[in-house]
Each structure stands twice: as structure tokens, then as C-alpha cells.
PDB file of N, CA and C in Angstrom:
ATOM      1  N   MET A   1       0.726   9.378   6.030  1.00  0.00           N
ATOM      2  CA  MET A   1       2.114   9.057   5.797  1.00  0.00           C
ATOM      3  C   MET A   1       2.789   8.625   7.108  1.00  0.00           C
ATOM      4  N   TYR A   2       2.362   9.267   8.196  1.00  0.00           N
ATOM      5  CA  TYR A   2       2.932   8.912   9.497  1.00  0.00           C
ATOM      6  C   TYR A   2       2.646   7.447   9.816  1.00  0.00           C
ATOM      7  N   ASN A   3       1.403   7.022   9.659  1.00  0.00           N
ATOM      8  CA  ASN A   3       1.052   5.627   9.965  1.00  0.00           C
ATOM      9  C   ASN A   3       1.798   4.652   9.082  1.00  0.00           C
ATOM     10  N   TYR A   4       1.971   4.988   7.828  1.00  0.00           N
ATOM     11  CA  TYR A   4       2.679   4.116   6.903  1.00  0.00           C
ATOM     12  C   TYR A   4       4.113   3.886   7.392  1.00  0.00           C
ATOM     13  N   HIS A   5       4.792   4.962   7.745  1.00  0.00           N
ATOM     14  CA  HIS A   5       6.193   4.850   8.135  1.00  0.00           C
ATOM     15  C   HIS A   5       6.371   4.431   9.594  1.00  0.00           C
ATOM     16  N   ARG A   6       5.688   5.088  10.497  1.00  0.00           N
ATOM     17  CA  ARG A   6       5.921   4.848  11.920  1.00  0.00           C
ATOM     18  C   ARG A   6       5.263   3.560  12.405  1.00  0.00           C
ATOM     19  N   MET A   7       4.005   3.356  12.076  1.00  0.00           N
ATOM     20  CA  MET A   7       3.300   2.177  12.580  1.00  0.00           C
ATOM     21  C   MET A   7       3.530   0.950  11.697  1.00  0.00           C
ATOM     22  N   GLY A   8       3.975   1.160  10.468  1.00  0.00           N
ATOM     23  CA  GLY A   8       4.209   0.056   9.549  1.00  0.00           C
ATOM     24  C   GLY A   8       5.674  -0.310   9.401  1.00  0.00           C
ATOM     25  N   LEU A   9       6.413   0.530   8.731  1.00  0.00           N
ATOM     26  CA  LEU A   9       7.799   0.203   8.409  1.00  0.00           C
ATOM     27  C   LEU A   9       8.705   0.098   9.628  1.00  0.00           C
ATOM     28  N   ASP A  10       8.478   0.924  10.633  1.00  0.00           N
ATOM     29  CA  ASP A  10       9.357   0.894  11.805  1.00  0.00           C
ATOM     30  C   ASP A  10       9.261  -0.415  12.590  1.00  0.00           C
ATOM     31  N   TYR A  11       8.149  -1.104  12.485  1.00  0.00           N
ATOM     32  CA  TYR A  11       7.971  -2.360  13.216  1.00  0.00           C
ATOM     33  C   TYR A  11       8.056  -3.595  12.314  1.00  0.00           C
ATOM     34  N   MET A  12       8.436  -3.409  11.077  1.00  0.00           N
ATOM     35  CA  MET A  12       8.440  -4.521  10.126  1.00  0.00           C
ATOM     36  C   MET A  12       9.384  -5.642  10.556  1.00  0.00           C
ATOM     37  N   TYR A  13      10.473  -5.344  11.170  1.00  0.00           N
ATOM     38  CA  TYR A  13      11.435  -6.369  11.564  1.00  0.00           C
ATOM     39  C   TYR A  13      10.892  -7.249  12.691  1.00  0.00           C
ATOM     40  N   SER A  14      10.305  -6.647  13.686  1.00  0.00           N
ATOM     41  CA  SER A  14       9.896  -7.416  14.860  1.00  0.00           C
ATOM     42  C   SER A  14       8.466  -7.927  14.798  1.00  0.00           C
ATOM     43  N   GLN A  15       7.581  -7.231  14.120  1.00  0.00           N
ATOM     44  CA  GLN A  15       6.162  -7.609  14.057  1.00  0.00           C
ATOM     45  C   GLN A  15       5.674  -7.521  12.617  1.00  0.00           C
ATOM     46  N   GLN A  16       6.107  -8.465  11.816  1.00  0.00           N
ATOM     47  CA  GLN A  16       5.879  -8.359  10.380  1.00  0.00           C
ATOM     48  C   GLN A  16       4.395  -8.391  10.004  1.00  0.00           C
ATOM     49  N   ARG A  17       3.642  -9.322  10.547  1.00  0.00           N
ATOM     50  CA  ARG A  17       2.220  -9.414  10.185  1.00  0.00           C
ATOM     51  C   ARG A  17       1.459  -8.159  10.607  1.00  0.00           C
ATOM     52  N   GLU A  18       1.677  -7.689  11.833  1.00  0.00           N
ATOM     53  CA  GLU A  18       0.987  -6.497  12.321  1.00  0.00           C
ATOM     54  C   GLU A  18       1.388  -5.257  11.517  1.00  0.00           C
ATOM     55  N   SER A  19       2.646  -5.191  11.145  1.00  0.00           N
ATOM     56  CA  SER A  19       3.118  -4.062  10.344  1.00  0.00           C
ATOM     57  C   SER A  19       2.478  -4.056   8.967  1.00  0.00           C
ATOM     58  N   LYS A  20       2.397  -5.221   8.359  1.00  0.00           N
ATOM     59  CA  LYS A  20       1.744  -5.304   7.045  1.00  0.00           C
ATOM     60  C   LYS A  20       0.287  -4.894   7.138  1.00  0.00           C
ATOM     61  N   GLN A  21      -0.374  -5.315   8.201  1.00  0.00           N
ATOM     62  CA  GLN A  21      -1.780  -4.956   8.375  1.00  0.00           C
ATOM     63  C   GLN A  21      -1.929  -3.451   8.573  1.00  0.00           C
ATOM     64  N   ALA A  22      -1.029  -2.832   9.327  1.00  0.00           N
ATOM     65  CA  ALA A  22      -1.072  -1.379   9.531  1.00  0.00           C
ATOM     66  C   ALA A  22      -0.851  -0.643   8.215  1.00  0.00           C
ATOM     67  N   ILE A  23       0.067  -1.125   7.413  1.00  0.00           N
ATOM     68  CA  ILE A  23       0.337  -0.496   6.116  1.00  0.00           C
ATOM     69  C   ILE A  23      -0.859  -0.670   5.187  1.00  0.00           C
ATOM     70  N   ALA A  24      -1.443  -1.859   5.168  1.00  0.00           N
ATOM     71  CA  ALA A  24      -2.622  -2.100   4.328  1.00  0.00           C
ATOM     72  C   ALA A  24      -3.766  -1.178   4.731  1.00  0.00           C
ATOM     73  N   THR A  25      -3.983  -1.020   6.020  1.00  0.00           N
ATOM     74  CA  THR A  25      -5.041  -0.127   6.507  1.00  0.00           C
ATOM     75  C   THR A  25      -4.773   1.311   6.085  1.00  0.00           C
ATOM     76  N   THR A  26      -3.538   1.738   6.180  1.00  0.00           N
ATOM     77  CA  THR A  26      -3.167   3.094   5.780  1.00  0.00           C
ATOM     78  C   THR A  26      -3.388   3.299   4.277  1.00  0.00           C
ATOM     79  N   LEU A  27      -3.014   2.311   3.482  1.00  0.00           N
ATOM     80  CA  LEU A  27      -3.209   2.434   2.032  1.00  0.00           C
ATOM     81  C   LEU A  27      -4.693   2.457   1.680  1.00  0.00           C
ATOM     82  N   LEU A  28      -5.497   1.724   2.420  1.00  0.00           N
ATOM     83  CA  LEU A  28      -6.942   1.766   2.189  1.00  0.00           C
ATOM     84  C   LEU A  28      -7.516   3.138   2.536  1.00  0.00           C
ATOM     85  N   GLN A  29      -6.927   3.807   3.510  1.00  0.00           N
ATOM     86  CA  GLN A  29      -7.384   5.146   3.878  1.00  0.00           C
ATOM     87  C   GLN A  29      -7.062   6.175   2.798  1.00  0.00           C
ATOM     88  N   LEU A  30      -6.066   5.902   1.983  1.00  0.00           N
ATOM     89  CA  LEU A  30      -5.738   6.817   0.885  1.00  0.00           C
ATOM     90  C   LEU A  30      -6.864   6.894  -0.142  1.00  0.00           C
ATOM     91  N   LYS A  31      -7.726   5.886  -0.151  1.00  0.00           N
ATOM     92  CA  LYS A  31      -8.854   5.881  -1.087  1.00  0.00           C
ATOM     93  C   LYS A  31      -9.786   7.067  -0.828  1.00  0.00           C
ATOM     94  N   SER A  32      -9.986   7.411   0.431  1.00  0.00           N
ATOM     95  CA  SER A  32     -10.860   8.551   0.724  1.00  0.00           C
ATOM     96  C   SER A  32     -10.269   9.850   0.175  1.00  0.00           C
ATOM     97  N   MET A  33      -8.947   9.990   0.247  1.00  0.00           N
ATOM     98  CA  MET A  33      -8.288  11.152  -0.337  1.00  0.00           C
ATOM     99  C   MET A  33      -8.455  11.134  -1.859  1.00  0.00           C
ATOM    100  N   TYR A  34      -8.321   9.956  -2.459  1.00  0.00           N
ATOM    101  CA  TYR A  34      -8.479   9.830  -3.904  1.00  0.00           C
ATOM    102  C   TYR A  34      -9.910  10.165  -4.329  1.00  0.00           C
ATOM    103  N   ASP A  35     -10.896   9.725  -3.541  1.00  0.00           N
ATOM    104  CA  ASP A  35     -12.294   9.990  -3.881  1.00  0.00           C
ATOM    105  C   ASP A  35     -12.602  11.482  -3.885  1.00  0.00           C
ATOM    106  N   LYS A  36     -11.945  12.233  -3.010  1.00  0.00           N
ATOM    107  CA  LYS A  36     -12.173  13.676  -2.949  1.00  0.00           C
ATOM    108  C   LYS A  36     -11.473  14.414  -4.079  1.00  0.00           C
ATOM    109  N   ARG A  37     -10.283  13.922  -4.432  1.00  0.00           N
ATOM    110  CA  ARG A  37      -9.509  14.589  -5.482  1.00  0.00           C
ATOM    111  C   ARG A  37      -8.692  13.554  -6.247  1.00  0.00           C
ATOM    112  N   PRO A  38      -9.271  12.954  -7.270  1.00  0.00           N
ATOM    113  CA  PRO A  38      -8.573  11.907  -8.033  1.00  0.00           C
ATOM    114  C   PRO A  38      -7.295  12.429  -8.683  1.00  0.00           C
ATOM    115  N   ASN A  39      -6.302  11.554  -8.721  1.00  0.00           N
ATOM    116  CA  ASN A  39      -5.037  11.830  -9.406  1.00  0.00           C
ATOM    117  C   ASN A  39      -4.342  13.094  -8.894  1.00  0.00           C
ATOM    118  N   ASN A  40      -4.420  13.321  -7.582  1.00  0.00           N
ATOM    119  CA  ASN A  40      -3.756  14.511  -7.046  1.00  0.00           C
ATOM    120  C   ASN A  40      -2.243  14.297  -6.999  1.00  0.00           C
ATOM    121  N   PHE A  41      -1.534  15.372  -6.877  1.00  0.00           N
ATOM    122  CA  PHE A  41      -0.073  15.347  -6.945  1.00  0.00           C
ATOM    123  C   PHE A  41       0.543  14.510  -5.828  1.00  0.00           C
ATOM    124  N   LEU A  42       0.028  14.644  -4.614  1.00  0.00           N
ATOM    125  CA  LEU A  42       0.577  13.911  -3.477  1.00  0.00           C
ATOM    126  C   LEU A  42       0.462  12.395  -3.677  1.00  0.00           C
ATOM    127  N   SER A  43      -0.658  11.943  -4.176  1.00  0.00           N
ATOM    128  CA  SER A  43      -0.837  10.509  -4.439  1.00  0.00           C
ATOM    129  C   SER A  43       0.130  10.019  -5.509  1.00  0.00           C
ATOM    130  N   ARG A  44       0.267  10.779  -6.557  1.00  0.00           N
ATOM    131  CA  ARG A  44       1.188  10.375  -7.633  1.00  0.00           C
ATOM    132  C   ARG A  44       2.619  10.285  -7.136  1.00  0.00           C
ATOM    133  N   VAL A  45       3.052  11.269  -6.368  1.00  0.00           N
ATOM    134  CA  VAL A  45       4.418  11.255  -5.841  1.00  0.00           C
ATOM    135  C   VAL A  45       4.604  10.081  -4.883  1.00  0.00           C
ATOM    136  N   PHE A  46       3.626   9.860  -4.007  1.00  0.00           N
ATOM    137  CA  PHE A  46       3.718   8.755  -3.059  1.00  0.00           C
ATOM    138  C   PHE A  46       3.852   7.423  -3.780  1.00  0.00           C
ATOM    139  N   PHE A  47       2.997   7.148  -4.748  1.00  0.00           N
ATOM    140  CA  PHE A  47       3.041   5.867  -5.438  1.00  0.00           C
ATOM    141  C   PHE A  47       4.227   5.745  -6.387  1.00  0.00           C
ATOM    142  N   ASP A  48       4.710   6.852  -6.918  1.00  0.00           N
ATOM    143  CA  ASP A  48       5.949   6.794  -7.703  1.00  0.00           C
ATOM    144  C   ASP A  48       7.114   6.360  -6.826  1.00  0.00           C
ATOM    145  N   ALA A  49       7.133   6.850  -5.602  1.00  0.00           N
ATOM    146  CA  ALA A  49       8.238   6.540  -4.698  1.00  0.00           C
ATOM    147  C   ALA A  49       8.088   5.193  -4.009  1.00  0.00           C
ATOM    148  N   LYS A  50       6.861   4.765  -3.738  1.00  0.00           N
ATOM    149  CA  LYS A  50       6.647   3.610  -2.868  1.00  0.00           C
ATOM    150  C   LYS A  50       6.098   2.361  -3.552  1.00  0.00           C
ATOM    151  N   SER A  51       5.812   2.388  -4.837  1.00  0.00           N
ATOM    152  CA  SER A  51       5.170   1.242  -5.486  1.00  0.00           C
ATOM    153  C   SER A  51       6.024  -0.025  -5.419  1.00  0.00           C
ATOM    154  N   GLU A  52       7.317   0.098  -5.666  1.00  0.00           N
ATOM    155  CA  GLU A  52       8.187  -1.082  -5.579  1.00  0.00           C
ATOM    156  C   GLU A  52       8.265  -1.599  -4.146  1.00  0.00           C
ATOM    157  N   GLU A  53       8.339  -0.693  -3.209  1.00  0.00           N
ATOM    158  CA  GLU A  53       8.408  -1.071  -1.792  1.00  0.00           C
ATOM    159  C   GLU A  53       7.130  -1.796  -1.354  1.00  0.00           C
ATOM    160  N   ILE A  54       5.995  -1.277  -1.752  1.00  0.00           N
ATOM    161  CA  ILE A  54       4.719  -1.902  -1.397  1.00  0.00           C
ATOM    162  C   ILE A  54       4.628  -3.292  -2.006  1.00  0.00           C
ATOM    163  N   THR A  55       5.015  -3.423  -3.257  1.00  0.00           N
ATOM    164  CA  THR A  55       4.965  -4.721  -3.934  1.00  0.00           C
ATOM    165  C   THR A  55       5.857  -5.731  -3.245  1.00  0.00           C
ATOM    166  N   SER A  56       7.077  -5.368  -2.951  1.00  0.00           N
ATOM    167  CA  SER A  56       7.987  -6.324  -2.313  1.00  0.00           C
ATOM    168  C   SER A  56       7.528  -6.676  -0.902  1.00  0.00           C
ATOM    169  N   MET A  57       6.901  -5.753  -0.232  1.00  0.00           N
ATOM    170  CA  MET A  57       6.422  -5.992   1.119  1.00  0.00           C
ATOM    171  C   MET A  57       5.301  -7.025   1.144  1.00  0.00           C
ATOM    172  N   PHE A  58       4.381  -6.931   0.218  1.00  0.00           N
ATOM    173  CA  PHE A  58       3.215  -7.806   0.221  1.00  0.00           C
ATOM    174  C   PHE A  58       3.393  -9.045  -0.652  1.00  0.00           C
ATOM    175  N   ALA A  59       4.492  -9.143  -1.380  1.00  0.00           N
ATOM    176  CA  ALA A  59       4.715 -10.307  -2.245  1.00  0.00           C
ATOM    177  C   ALA A  59       5.244 -11.511  -1.477  1.00  0.00           C
ATOM    178  N   GLY A  60       5.750 -11.326  -0.274  1.00  0.00           N
ATOM    179  CA  GLY A  60       6.286 -12.443   0.492  1.00  0.00           C
ATOM    180  C   GLY A  60       6.061 -12.250   1.976  1.00  0.00           C
ATOM    181  N   GLY A  61       6.504 -13.228   2.751  1.00  0.00           N
ATOM    182  CA  GLY A  61       6.386 -13.149   4.200  1.00  0.00           C
ATOM    183  C   GLY A  61       5.003 -13.526   4.687  1.00  0.00           C
ATOM    184  N   PRO A  62       4.686 -13.178   5.923  1.00  0.00           N
ATOM    185  CA  PRO A  62       3.375 -13.516   6.477  1.00  0.00           C
ATOM    186  C   PRO A  62       2.255 -12.897   5.653  1.00  0.00           C
ATOM    187  N   GLN A  63       1.274 -13.679   5.366  1.00  0.00           N
ATOM    188  CA  GLN A  63       0.169 -13.223   4.523  1.00  0.00           C
ATOM    189  C   GLN A  63      -0.886 -12.484   5.337  1.00  0.00           C
ATOM    190  N   VAL A  64      -1.382 -11.428   4.771  1.00  0.00           N
ATOM    191  CA  VAL A  64      -2.527 -10.702   5.305  1.00  0.00           C
ATOM    192  C   VAL A  64      -3.554 -10.641   4.185  1.00  0.00           C
ATOM    193  N   ASN A  65      -4.780 -10.345   4.531  1.00  0.00           N
ATOM    194  CA  ASN A  65      -5.835 -10.270   3.528  1.00  0.00           C
ATOM    195  C   ASN A  65      -5.592  -9.053   2.639  1.00  0.00           C
ATOM    196  N   ILE A  66      -5.298  -9.311   1.369  1.00  0.00           N
ATOM    197  CA  ILE A  66      -4.921  -8.208   0.477  1.00  0.00           C
ATOM    198  C   ILE A  66      -5.861  -8.026  -0.705  1.00  0.00           C
ATOM    199  N   THR A  67      -6.959  -8.758  -0.730  1.00  0.00           N
ATOM    200  CA  THR A  67      -7.881  -8.639  -1.852  1.00  0.00           C
ATOM    201  C   THR A  67      -8.380  -7.210  -2.003  1.00  0.00           C
ATOM    202  N   GLN A  68      -8.880  -6.630  -0.925  1.00  0.00           N
ATOM    203  CA  GLN A  68      -9.390  -5.264  -0.977  1.00  0.00           C
ATOM    204  C   GLN A  68      -8.249  -4.277  -1.215  1.00  0.00           C
ATOM    205  N   LEU A  69      -7.078  -4.566  -0.671  1.00  0.00           N
ATOM    206  CA  LEU A  69      -5.922  -3.695  -0.860  1.00  0.00           C
ATOM    207  C   LEU A  69      -5.550  -3.582  -2.330  1.00  0.00           C
ATOM    208  N   VAL A  70      -5.463  -4.719  -3.017  1.00  0.00           N
ATOM    209  CA  VAL A  70      -5.088  -4.703  -4.434  1.00  0.00           C
ATOM    210  C   VAL A  70      -6.141  -3.981  -5.262  1.00  0.00           C
ATOM    211  N   GLU A  71      -7.414  -4.175  -4.948  1.00  0.00           N
ATOM    212  CA  GLU A  71      -8.479  -3.462  -5.658  1.00  0.00           C
ATOM    213  C   GLU A  71      -8.331  -1.951  -5.463  1.00  0.00           C
ATOM    214  N   THR A  72      -8.048  -1.539  -4.237  1.00  0.00           N
ATOM    215  CA  THR A  72      -7.881  -0.116  -3.948  1.00  0.00           C
ATOM    216  C   THR A  72      -6.652   0.447  -4.654  1.00  0.00           C
ATOM    217  N   LEU A  73      -5.555  -0.292  -4.625  1.00  0.00           N
ATOM    218  CA  LEU A  73      -4.339   0.166  -5.305  1.00  0.00           C
ATOM    219  C   LEU A  73      -4.571   0.311  -6.797  1.00  0.00           C
ATOM    220  N   ASN A  74      -5.284  -0.620  -7.393  1.00  0.00           N
ATOM    221  CA  ASN A  74      -5.581  -0.522  -8.822  1.00  0.00           C
ATOM    222  C   ASN A  74      -6.475   0.678  -9.131  1.00  0.00           C
ATOM    223  N   ARG A  75      -7.293   1.061  -8.180  1.00  0.00           N
ATOM    224  CA  ARG A  75      -8.171   2.209  -8.400  1.00  0.00           C
ATOM    225  C   ARG A  75      -7.426   3.534  -8.221  1.00  0.00           C
ATOM    226  N   VAL A  76      -6.625   3.656  -7.155  1.00  0.00           N
ATOM    227  CA  VAL A  76      -5.983   4.943  -6.877  1.00  0.00           C
ATOM    228  C   VAL A  76      -4.674   5.142  -7.634  1.00  0.00           C
ATOM    229  N   ALA A  77      -4.051   4.052  -8.085  1.00  0.00           N
ATOM    230  CA  ALA A  77      -2.795   4.166  -8.841  1.00  0.00           C
ATOM    231  C   ALA A  77      -2.794   3.162  -9.993  1.00  0.00           C
ATOM    232  N   PRO A  78      -3.696   3.337 -10.955  1.00  0.00           N
ATOM    233  CA  PRO A  78      -3.782   2.370 -12.056  1.00  0.00           C
ATOM    234  C   PRO A  78      -2.533   2.343 -12.936  1.00  0.00           C
ATOM    235  N   GLN A  79      -1.765   3.421 -12.942  1.00  0.00           N
ATOM    236  CA  GLN A  79      -0.547   3.456 -13.746  1.00  0.00           C
ATOM    237  C   GLN A  79       0.511   2.501 -13.203  1.00  0.00           C
ATOM    238  N   LYS A  80       0.350   2.023 -11.999  1.00  0.00           N
ATOM    239  CA  LYS A  80       1.292   1.081 -11.379  1.00  0.00           C
ATOM    240  C   LYS A  80       0.728  -0.338 -11.353  1.00  0.00           C
ATOM    241  N   ALA A  81      -0.219  -0.646 -12.215  1.00  0.00           N
ATOM    242  CA  ALA A  81      -0.884  -1.952 -12.223  1.00  0.00           C
ATOM    243  C   ALA A  81       0.097  -3.110 -12.420  1.00  0.00           C
ATOM    244  N   ALA A  82       1.172  -2.882 -13.141  1.00  0.00           N
ATOM    245  CA  ALA A  82       2.167  -3.946 -13.327  1.00  0.00           C
ATOM    246  C   ALA A  82       2.775  -4.354 -11.984  1.00  0.00           C
ATOM    247  N   TYR A  83       2.954  -3.404 -11.100  1.00  0.00           N
ATOM    248  CA  TYR A  83       3.458  -3.723  -9.754  1.00  0.00           C
ATOM    249  C   TYR A  83       2.403  -4.473  -8.957  1.00  0.00           C
ATOM    250  N   TRP A  84       1.176  -4.005  -9.001  1.00  0.00           N
ATOM    251  CA  TRP A  84       0.116  -4.607  -8.179  1.00  0.00           C
ATOM    252  C   TRP A  84      -0.172  -6.043  -8.594  1.00  0.00           C
ATOM    253  N   ARG A  85       0.078  -6.376  -9.870  1.00  0.00           N
ATOM    254  CA  ARG A  85      -0.132  -7.763 -10.310  1.00  0.00           C
ATOM    255  C   ARG A  85       0.882  -8.728  -9.690  1.00  0.00           C
ATOM    256  N   GLN A  86       2.005  -8.224  -9.210  1.00  0.00           N
ATOM    257  CA  GLN A  86       3.021  -9.053  -8.600  1.00  0.00           C
ATOM    258  C   GLN A  86       2.675  -9.451  -7.165  1.00  0.00           C
ATOM    259  N   ILE A  87       1.696  -8.787  -6.580  1.00  0.00           N
ATOM    260  CA  ILE A  87       1.277  -9.120  -5.215  1.00  0.00           C
ATOM    261  C   ILE A  87       0.440 -10.382  -5.293  1.00  0.00           C
ATOM    262  N   LYS A  88       0.839 -11.389  -4.547  1.00  0.00           N
ATOM    263  CA  LYS A  88       0.151 -12.677  -4.587  1.00  0.00           C
ATOM    264  C   LYS A  88      -0.959 -12.735  -3.551  1.00  0.00           C
ATOM    265  N   PHE A  89      -2.036 -13.414  -3.920  1.00  0.00           N
ATOM    266  CA  PHE A  89      -3.182 -13.580  -3.022  1.00  0.00           C
ATOM    267  C   PHE A  89      -3.010 -14.797  -2.162  1.00  0.00           C
TER     268      PHE A  89
END
């Protein structure tokens, strides 16, 4: 959570591409937590709160490689698939 907020969101204004990449890397790391304990409470709360934010962040602006990110998001938070479909490749 620290990397998502501090290394990602805090630098979004000045370093948009690097911030998006940091956030994508952090979200990919959540997969290891999901693999150990699928559908845990912390993951559900995080994606309930952040799904719209993640979608709007990756739907525009400087592009980063998001193919693996979208696959991971669909795996760890399939209930938010409608949001993940809005992220453009």
C-alpha cells in the first residue's frame, strides 16, 4: 500500500509515466498475496476503494505496458471486470 500511494500517486503530477509504472508494479505484487490467500478481506477492501481510481489512471495519459496488469487485475478482482475492460491497451 505504501508503494501504491507514496511511490505512485504522490508523483503522478510531475512524473506520470514513472508513477504509472510504479503503481502497475505494486498491483502485480498483489498477485502473490492473492495466490497465498484468494479473496482475502484486505484485497476486497482495496479494490472496492481503488477500482475506479485505477481505471481512470490507466485509461488515459502516457501509456505503459498494461497487458499483464489487466490479466492480473482480472484474476485478483474478477468482480471489478467491468472497470478493467475500460483500460485501453
